[in-house]
Amino acid sequence: QVRLVESGGGLVQPGGSLRLSCAASGSIVGIDPMGWYRQAPGKERDLVATLTDGGITNYADSVKGRFTISRDYSKNSVYLQMNSLKPKDTAVYYCYAYIYEGWRSGGYWGQGTQVTVSS
């Protein structure tokens, strides 16, 4: 059974940094892409950043230049380094992965981790 487990959320002051981590486990043949979405209270879940197997990144305009996505392909993991955080970055952050299990494939979500940016 495939699982995505996230860590690294928390409370940080404006201008601060956080690093989110997400590890996928299970009968995984491949993952493409892997990334992060976020959902603020009362709003829809939106793309933050994704990274393909080929190294292609896609960032939301609101985080370009501040957030960096990276992957450890050997560990089926994805990371999100968040710098210069702003109160509007406050949201639940979800890891996403499209996973190939051999005879089937599909999108999976993590349980979410809360990021709060406040003084």
C-alpha atoms as a PDB file:
ATOM      1  CA  GLN A   1       0.000   0.000   0.000  1.00  0.00           C
ATOM      2  CA  VAL A   2       1.427   3.347  -1.018  1.00  0.00           C
ATOM      3  CA  ARG A   3       1.812   6.025   1.642  1.00  0.00           C
ATOM      4  CA  LEU A   4       3.073   9.589   1.623  1.00  0.00           C
ATOM      5  CA  VAL A   5       4.338  10.920   4.947  1.00  0.00           C
ATOM      6  CA  GLU A   6       5.095  14.598   5.396  1.00  0.00           C
ATOM      7  CA  SER A   7       7.033  16.474   8.035  1.00  0.00           C
ATOM      8  CA  GLY A   8       8.506  19.891   8.705  1.00  0.00           C
ATOM      9  CA  GLY A   9       5.557  22.231   9.154  1.00  0.00           C
ATOM     10  CA  GLY A  10       5.183  24.623  12.044  1.00  0.00           C
ATOM     11  CA  LEU A  11       4.970  28.227  13.179  1.00  0.00           C
ATOM     12  CA  VAL A  12       7.473  30.729  11.813  1.00  0.00           C
ATOM     13  CA  GLN A  13       7.775  34.503  11.832  1.00  0.00           C
ATOM     14  CA  PRO A  14       7.477  36.518   8.619  1.00  0.00           C
ATOM     15  CA  GLY A  15      10.776  36.436   6.757  1.00  0.00           C
ATOM     16  CA  GLY A  16      11.688  33.081   8.245  1.00  0.00           C
ATOM     17  CA  SER A  17      12.316  29.707   6.645  1.00  0.00           C
ATOM     18  CA  LEU A  18      10.965  26.182   6.837  1.00  0.00           C
ATOM     19  CA  ARG A  19      11.787  22.955   5.047  1.00  0.00           C
ATOM     20  CA  LEU A  20       9.083  20.419   4.302  1.00  0.00           C
ATOM     21  CA  SER A  21       9.830  16.778   3.616  1.00  0.00           C
ATOM     22  CA  CYS A  22       7.734  14.013   2.111  1.00  0.00           C
ATOM     23  CA  ALA A  23       8.625  10.363   1.697  1.00  0.00           C
ATOM     24  CA  ALA A  24       6.705   7.810  -0.339  1.00  0.00           C
ATOM     25  CA  SER A  25       6.671   4.152   0.609  1.00  0.00           C
ATOM     26  CA  GLY A  26       5.134   0.990  -0.778  1.00  0.00           C
ATOM     27  CA  SER A  27       5.450  -1.043  -3.950  1.00  0.00           C
ATOM     28  CA  ILE A  28       6.768   1.808  -6.070  1.00  0.00           C
ATOM     29  CA  VAL A  29       8.197   1.376  -9.537  1.00  0.00           C
ATOM     30  CA  GLY A  30       8.395   5.063 -10.358  1.00  0.00           C
ATOM     31  CA  ILE A  31       7.122   8.504  -9.377  1.00  0.00           C
ATOM     32  CA  ASP A  32       6.507  11.268 -11.868  1.00  0.00           C
ATOM     33  CA  PRO A  33       5.853  13.992 -10.938  1.00  0.00           C
ATOM     34  CA  MET A  34       6.174  14.711  -7.233  1.00  0.00           C
ATOM     35  CA  GLY A  35       5.370  18.000  -5.600  1.00  0.00           C
ATOM     36  CA  TRP A  36       3.506  20.219  -3.184  1.00  0.00           C
ATOM     37  CA  TYR A  37       0.112  21.875  -3.032  1.00  0.00           C
ATOM     38  CA  ARG A  38      -1.406  24.062  -0.335  1.00  0.00           C
ATOM     39  CA  GLN A  39      -4.843  24.952   0.933  1.00  0.00           C
ATOM     40  CA  ALA A  40      -5.622  28.029   2.981  1.00  0.00           C
ATOM     41  CA  PRO A  41      -8.828  28.235   5.058  1.00  0.00           C
ATOM     42  CA  GLY A  42     -11.842  28.780   2.849  1.00  0.00           C
ATOM     43  CA  LYS A  43      -9.850  28.400  -0.355  1.00  0.00           C
ATOM     44  CA  GLU A  44      -9.176  25.700  -2.914  1.00  0.00           C
ATOM     45  CA  ARG A  45      -6.085  23.530  -2.956  1.00  0.00           C
ATOM     46  CA  ASP A  46      -3.510  25.161  -5.225  1.00  0.00           C
ATOM     47  CA  LEU A  47      -0.234  24.151  -6.809  1.00  0.00           C
ATOM     48  CA  VAL A  48       2.930  25.283  -5.039  1.00  0.00           C
ATOM     49  CA  ALA A  49       5.627  23.411  -6.945  1.00  0.00           C
ATOM     50  CA  THR A  50       6.233  20.168  -8.811  1.00  0.00           C
ATOM     51  CA  LEU A  51       9.336  18.400 -10.063  1.00  0.00           C
ATOM     52  CA  THR A  52       9.419  15.726 -12.753  1.00  0.00           C
ATOM     53  CA  ASP A  53      11.768  12.794 -13.166  1.00  0.00           C
ATOM     54  CA  GLY A  54      13.422  14.751 -15.933  1.00  0.00           C
ATOM     55  CA  GLY A  55      14.168  17.653 -13.608  1.00  0.00           C
ATOM     56  CA  ILE A  56      11.516  20.021 -14.896  1.00  0.00           C
ATOM     57  CA  THR A  57      10.142  22.324 -12.199  1.00  0.00           C
ATOM     58  CA  ASN A  58       6.881  24.208 -12.094  1.00  0.00           C
ATOM     59  CA  TYR A  59       6.291  26.888  -9.463  1.00  0.00           C
ATOM     60  CA  ALA A  60       3.315  29.020  -8.588  1.00  0.00           C
ATOM     61  CA  ASP A  61       4.071  32.652  -9.428  1.00  0.00           C
ATOM     62  CA  SER A  62       3.526  33.623  -5.800  1.00  0.00           C
ATOM     63  CA  VAL A  63       6.449  31.478  -4.580  1.00  0.00           C
ATOM     64  CA  LYS A  64       8.987  31.903  -7.393  1.00  0.00           C
ATOM     65  CA  GLY A  65      12.325  33.062  -6.065  1.00  0.00           C
ATOM     66  CA  ARG A  66      11.418  32.145  -2.485  1.00  0.00           C
ATOM     67  CA  PHE A  67      10.659  28.399  -2.546  1.00  0.00           C
ATOM     68  CA  THR A  68      12.827  25.617  -3.946  1.00  0.00           C
ATOM     69  CA  ILE A  69      11.668  22.084  -4.651  1.00  0.00           C
ATOM     70  CA  SER A  70      14.075  19.170  -4.745  1.00  0.00           C
ATOM     71  CA  ARG A  71      13.948  15.393  -4.809  1.00  0.00           C
ATOM     72  CA  ASP A  72      15.972  12.469  -3.562  1.00  0.00           C
ATOM     73  CA  TYR A  73      15.081   9.859  -6.154  1.00  0.00           C
ATOM     74  CA  SER A  74      16.816   7.066  -4.235  1.00  0.00           C
ATOM     75  CA  LYS A  75      14.576   7.717  -1.231  1.00  0.00           C
ATOM     76  CA  ASN A  76      11.341   8.468  -3.141  1.00  0.00           C
ATOM     77  CA  SER A  77      11.312  11.795  -1.350  1.00  0.00           C
ATOM     78  CA  VAL A  78      10.553  15.394  -2.172  1.00  0.00           C
ATOM     79  CA  TYR A  79      11.478  18.530  -0.251  1.00  0.00           C
ATOM     80  CA  LEU A  80      10.302  22.118  -0.232  1.00  0.00           C
ATOM     81  CA  GLN A  81      12.669  24.775   1.059  1.00  0.00           C
ATOM     82  CA  MET A  82      10.623  27.849   1.890  1.00  0.00           C
ATOM     83  CA  ASN A  83      12.440  31.137   2.470  1.00  0.00           C
ATOM     84  CA  SER A  84      11.235  34.694   3.023  1.00  0.00           C
ATOM     85  CA  LEU A  85       7.928  33.369   4.273  1.00  0.00           C
ATOM     86  CA  LYS A  86       4.933  35.685   4.309  1.00  0.00           C
ATOM     87  CA  PRO A  87       1.656  35.521   6.246  1.00  0.00           C
ATOM     88  CA  LYS A  88      -0.132  34.707   2.973  1.00  0.00           C
ATOM     89  CA  ASP A  89       1.888  31.490   2.806  1.00  0.00           C
ATOM     90  CA  THR A  90      -0.090  30.208   5.795  1.00  0.00           C
ATOM     91  CA  ALA A  91      -1.871  27.027   4.742  1.00  0.00           C
ATOM     92  CA  VAL A  92      -1.952  23.267   5.036  1.00  0.00           C
ATOM     93  CA  TYR A  93       0.708  21.929   2.675  1.00  0.00           C
ATOM     94  CA  TYR A  94       0.081  18.614   0.941  1.00  0.00           C
ATOM     95  CA  CYS A  95       2.579  16.363  -0.732  1.00  0.00           C
ATOM     96  CA  TYR A  96       1.455  14.908  -4.062  1.00  0.00           C
ATOM     97  CA  ALA A  97       2.923  12.088  -6.107  1.00  0.00           C
ATOM     98  CA  TYR A  98       1.837  10.288  -9.256  1.00  0.00           C
ATOM     99  CA  ILE A  99       3.023   6.764  -8.545  1.00  0.00           C
ATOM    100  CA  TYR A 100       3.573   3.821 -10.850  1.00  0.00           C
ATOM    101  CA  GLU A 101       3.141   0.503  -9.031  1.00  0.00           C
ATOM    102  CA  GLY A 102       3.745  -1.763 -12.003  1.00  0.00           C
ATOM    103  CA  TRP A 103       0.289  -2.859 -13.038  1.00  0.00           C
ATOM    104  CA  ARG A 104      -1.445   0.338 -11.994  1.00  0.00           C
ATOM    105  CA  SER A 105      -0.757   3.991 -11.393  1.00  0.00           C
ATOM    106  CA  GLY A 106      -2.436   6.931  -9.764  1.00  0.00           C
ATOM    107  CA  GLY A 107      -2.150  10.144  -7.804  1.00  0.00           C
ATOM    108  CA  TYR A 108      -1.604  10.051  -4.062  1.00  0.00           C
ATOM    109  CA  TRP A 109      -1.773  12.723  -1.359  1.00  0.00           C
ATOM    110  CA  GLY A 110      -0.106  13.054   1.995  1.00  0.00           C
ATOM    111  CA  GLN A 111      -2.039  13.866   5.148  1.00  0.00           C
ATOM    112  CA  GLY A 112      -0.988  17.516   5.107  1.00  0.00           C
ATOM    113  CA  THR A 113       1.229  19.595   7.354  1.00  0.00           C
ATOM    114  CA  GLN A 114       0.299  22.999   8.765  1.00  0.00           C
ATOM    115  CA  VAL A 115       2.496  25.999   8.010  1.00  0.00           C
ATOM    116  CA  THR A 116       1.669  29.178   9.912  1.00  0.00           C
ATOM    117  CA  VAL A 117       3.505  32.421   9.251  1.00  0.00           C
ATOM    118  CA  SER A 118       2.781  34.939  11.963  1.00  0.00           C
ATOM    119  CA  SER A 119       4.502  37.335  14.313  1.00  0.00           C
END
